[in-house]
Protein backbone atom coordinates (compact mmCIF):
# COMPACT_ATOMS: atom_id res chain seq x y z
CA MET A 1 -16.73 54.16 -143.03
CA ASN A 2 -15.62 50.60 -140.73
CA LYS A 3 -18.05 47.71 -141.76
CA LYS A 4 -18.97 46.86 -138.23
CA TYR A 5 -20.42 50.04 -136.97
CA LEU A 6 -22.30 50.14 -140.60
CA VAL A 7 -23.53 46.75 -139.18
CA PHE A 8 -24.01 47.90 -135.68
CA ILE A 9 -26.05 50.72 -136.78
CA SER A 10 -28.36 48.79 -139.16
CA LEU A 11 -29.36 46.80 -136.74
CA ALA A 12 -30.07 49.33 -133.76
CA VAL A 13 -32.12 51.10 -136.57
CA LEU A 14 -33.98 47.79 -136.88
CA LEU A 15 -34.10 47.21 -133.40
CA PHE A 16 -35.59 51.07 -132.54
CA CYS A 17 -38.29 50.41 -135.58
CA ILE A 18 -39.44 46.77 -134.21
CA GLY A 19 -39.57 48.29 -131.08
CA CYS A 20 -41.95 50.71 -132.19
CA ALA A 21 -44.35 48.24 -134.47
CA GLY A 22 -48.23 49.00 -134.60
CA SER A 23 -47.79 51.96 -132.36
CA SER A 24 -48.97 55.29 -132.67
CA PRO A 25 -48.89 58.59 -130.60
CA TYR A 26 -52.19 58.90 -132.17
CA MET A 27 -53.93 56.35 -131.07
CA ARG A 28 -54.80 53.82 -128.01
CA PRO A 29 -56.04 50.49 -126.24
CA ALA A 30 -58.77 50.12 -125.99
CA GLU A 31 -62.16 47.85 -125.14
CA THR A 32 -63.50 45.25 -127.77
CA LEU A 33 -67.24 46.11 -129.03
CA ILE A 34 -70.25 43.64 -128.59
CA GLY A 35 -71.77 45.72 -131.91
CA PRO A 36 -73.32 48.61 -132.80
CA SER A 37 -75.65 50.75 -130.81
CA GLN A 38 -79.02 51.65 -131.48
CA GLY A 39 -79.50 52.71 -134.78
CA LYS A 40 -76.18 53.26 -135.91
CA ALA A 41 -73.38 51.02 -138.10
CA LEU A 42 -70.10 49.60 -137.11
CA ILE A 43 -67.24 49.79 -139.33
CA TYR A 44 -63.82 48.10 -138.60
CA PHE A 45 -60.60 49.42 -140.28
CA MET A 46 -58.65 46.75 -140.12
CA ARG A 47 -54.80 46.37 -141.15
CA PRO A 48 -53.22 42.66 -140.54
CA SER A 49 -50.35 42.95 -141.90
CA GLY A 50 -46.88 44.05 -140.31
CA MET A 51 -45.69 45.72 -143.53
CA ALA A 52 -44.19 49.22 -143.25
CA PHE A 53 -44.92 48.98 -139.42
CA ALA A 54 -43.36 52.50 -138.79
CA VAL A 55 -45.85 53.91 -141.13
CA ASP A 56 -49.53 54.86 -139.83
CA PHE A 57 -52.17 55.26 -142.25
CA GLN A 58 -54.54 58.59 -141.83
CA ILE A 59 -58.36 57.73 -142.78
CA TRP A 60 -60.82 60.49 -142.81
CA LYS A 61 -64.49 61.47 -143.08
CA ASP A 62 -64.76 64.75 -144.24
CA TYR A 63 -62.45 66.62 -141.86
CA GLN A 64 -63.34 63.95 -138.83
CA LEU A 65 -59.96 62.07 -138.73
CA VAL A 66 -61.77 58.33 -138.13
CA GLY A 67 -58.25 57.45 -136.45
CA LEU A 68 -54.83 55.54 -137.88
CA SER A 69 -54.59 52.21 -138.92
CA THR A 70 -51.16 50.82 -137.84
CA ALA A 71 -49.91 47.25 -138.18
CA LYS A 72 -51.33 44.69 -136.47
CA SER A 73 -54.17 47.16 -135.40
CA TYR A 74 -57.82 47.73 -136.12
CA PHE A 75 -60.34 50.76 -134.97
CA ALA A 76 -63.95 50.84 -135.07
CA TYR A 77 -66.17 53.57 -136.30
CA GLU A 78 -69.69 53.94 -136.01
CA CYS A 79 -71.54 55.92 -138.07
CA ASP A 80 -75.50 57.10 -138.77
CA PRO A 81 -76.77 54.36 -141.81
CA GLY A 82 -75.69 55.57 -145.36
CA LYS A 83 -73.34 56.31 -147.54
CA HIS A 84 -69.83 58.18 -146.26
CA LEU A 85 -66.87 58.93 -148.20
CA PHE A 86 -64.11 57.55 -146.04
CA ILE A 87 -60.49 58.98 -147.79
CA GLY A 88 -56.91 57.14 -146.57
CA ARG A 89 -54.09 59.21 -146.43
CA ALA A 90 -50.71 58.37 -146.84
CA GLU A 91 -48.38 58.72 -150.23
CA ASN A 92 -51.59 57.96 -152.48
CA LYS A 93 -54.92 59.07 -152.03
CA LEU A 94 -58.10 56.57 -152.04
CA ALA A 95 -61.15 56.13 -150.45
CA VAL A 96 -63.97 53.46 -149.68
CA GLU A 97 -67.32 54.77 -150.68
CA ALA A 98 -69.74 52.81 -147.90
CA ASP A 99 -73.46 52.45 -147.82
CA VAL A 100 -74.30 51.07 -145.02
CA GLU A 101 -77.62 50.01 -142.94
CA ALA A 102 -78.34 50.67 -139.09
CA GLY A 103 -77.51 47.19 -137.05
CA LYS A 104 -75.06 45.83 -139.26
CA THR A 105 -71.27 45.72 -138.76
CA TYR A 106 -68.86 46.00 -141.81
CA TYR A 107 -65.18 45.38 -142.09
CA VAL A 108 -62.18 47.27 -144.54
CA LEU A 109 -58.84 45.96 -144.53
CA THR A 110 -55.78 48.57 -144.87
CA GLN A 111 -53.07 47.13 -146.63
CA ALA A 112 -49.41 48.53 -147.20
CA ARG A 113 -47.63 48.79 -150.61
CA MET A 114 -44.91 50.09 -151.82
CA GLY A 115 -44.23 53.31 -152.22
CA GLY A 116 -42.06 55.52 -153.70
CA TRP A 117 -40.83 57.83 -150.67
CA LYS A 118 -43.24 56.36 -147.99
CA ALA A 119 -45.84 53.96 -148.09
CA ARG A 120 -48.82 53.33 -149.82
CA MET A 121 -51.65 52.18 -148.86
CA ALA A 122 -54.86 50.00 -150.40
CA PHE A 123 -58.41 49.53 -148.78
CA ILE A 124 -59.79 46.12 -149.51
CA PRO A 125 -63.69 46.13 -148.45
CA VAL A 126 -64.89 42.64 -146.80
CA THR A 127 -67.79 41.86 -149.68
CA ARG A 128 -69.44 38.66 -149.07
CA GLY A 129 -67.75 36.08 -150.76
CA SER A 130 -64.46 38.13 -150.83
CA LYS A 131 -61.60 35.97 -149.45
CA TYR A 132 -61.46 37.82 -146.33
CA TRP A 133 -64.89 37.53 -145.64
CA GLY A 134 -64.37 34.42 -142.89
CA GLU A 135 -61.08 35.95 -141.59
CA VAL A 136 -62.74 38.56 -139.93
CA GLU A 137 -63.52 37.05 -136.68
CA ALA A 138 -60.08 35.28 -136.82
CA TYR A 139 -58.63 39.00 -136.86
CA LYS A 140 -60.24 40.29 -134.16
CA GLY A 141 -58.49 37.92 -132.22
CA SER A 142 -54.81 38.37 -132.93
CA LEU A 143 -54.99 42.12 -133.30
CA ASN A 144 -54.92 44.85 -131.26
CA PHE A 145 -57.95 46.71 -130.52
CA VAL A 146 -56.96 50.64 -130.37
CA THR A 147 -59.05 54.36 -130.69
CA THR A 148 -57.98 57.52 -131.33
CA LYS A 149 -56.58 59.70 -128.34
CA ASP A 150 -58.67 62.29 -128.84
CA ASP A 151 -56.66 65.22 -126.67
CA VAL A 152 -53.60 64.35 -128.82
CA ILE A 153 -55.71 64.40 -132.12
CA ASP A 154 -57.12 67.70 -131.27
CA GLN A 155 -54.18 69.27 -131.06
CA TRP A 156 -52.77 68.49 -133.93
CA LYS A 157 -55.57 69.27 -135.85
CA GLY A 158 -55.26 72.72 -133.75
CA GLU A 159 -51.94 72.62 -135.07
CA ARG A 160 -52.66 71.76 -138.26
CA GLY A 161 -56.22 72.54 -139.09
CA ALA A 162 -56.16 74.74 -142.38
CA GLU A 163 -53.93 73.03 -143.97
CA ILE A 164 -55.24 69.43 -143.22
CA ARG A 165 -58.47 71.39 -144.77
CA LYS A 166 -56.94 72.14 -147.89
CA GLU A 167 -55.81 68.75 -148.23
CA ILE A 168 -58.97 66.66 -147.67
CA ASP A 169 -60.55 69.34 -150.23
CA GLU A 170 -57.90 68.65 -153.14
CA ILE A 171 -58.18 64.82 -152.19
CA LYS A 172 -62.04 65.13 -152.42
CA ALA A 173 -61.82 67.53 -155.77
CA PHE A 174 -59.84 64.74 -157.10
CA LEU A 175 -61.98 61.80 -156.33
CA GLN A 176 -64.59 63.53 -158.52
CA THR A 177 -62.49 63.52 -161.79
CA PRO A 178 -62.86 60.48 -163.61
CA GLU A 179 -59.39 59.35 -162.84
CA GLY A 180 -59.66 60.20 -159.46
CA GLN A 181 -63.21 57.12 -159.47
CA ALA A 182 -60.32 54.73 -160.49
CA TYR A 183 -59.14 54.90 -156.76
CA ILE A 184 -62.80 54.24 -154.87
CA VAL A 185 -63.74 51.19 -153.63
CA LYS A 186 -67.58 50.09 -152.18
CA LEU A 187 -68.61 48.91 -149.70
CA ASN A 188 -72.47 48.07 -149.77
CA LYS A 189 -75.45 47.22 -147.56
CA GLU A 190 -75.32 43.45 -147.92
CA ASP A 191 -71.88 43.48 -147.32
CA GLY A 192 -73.09 43.74 -143.44
CA ARG A 193 -72.98 41.38 -140.66
């Protein structure tokens, strides 16, 4: 194949991917939140890096899609106080076990990591004293705040609901094994602000 042709195709693919950076057909821009509603806790999932920008990471709570973590963006999830398990779906499977308190805001960073076939995901809970504790407010100012397109999500779940439920059940079962426990990170009440 002609070398100039390969260079042209490579540049075209790169420009296409750059144009799609941090966007998702399942998420839309949103207005930022001031804080949690009365009696609720607020968790921000932030992905400050542009690495693997063409890959969205799914974050689930039970069988509810909380959101898609897209490059250079963040989204919020409001929940009742208490314990919650958030499952990440990428090439790997992992979770955040969050124990949250009403009236507080919590932060979880998502990172892309090199995978075998596609990007792998990492959860980094922002805990008191961690190196990211002072970074999250700056991230809010520099990242796109997004929320789910509920109608698109509902259609997608309608088409793949049984398959998704089966995979979520398999992930939950794996996370309960001794090996799976190593893939759960913790976010505790005292990590809220």
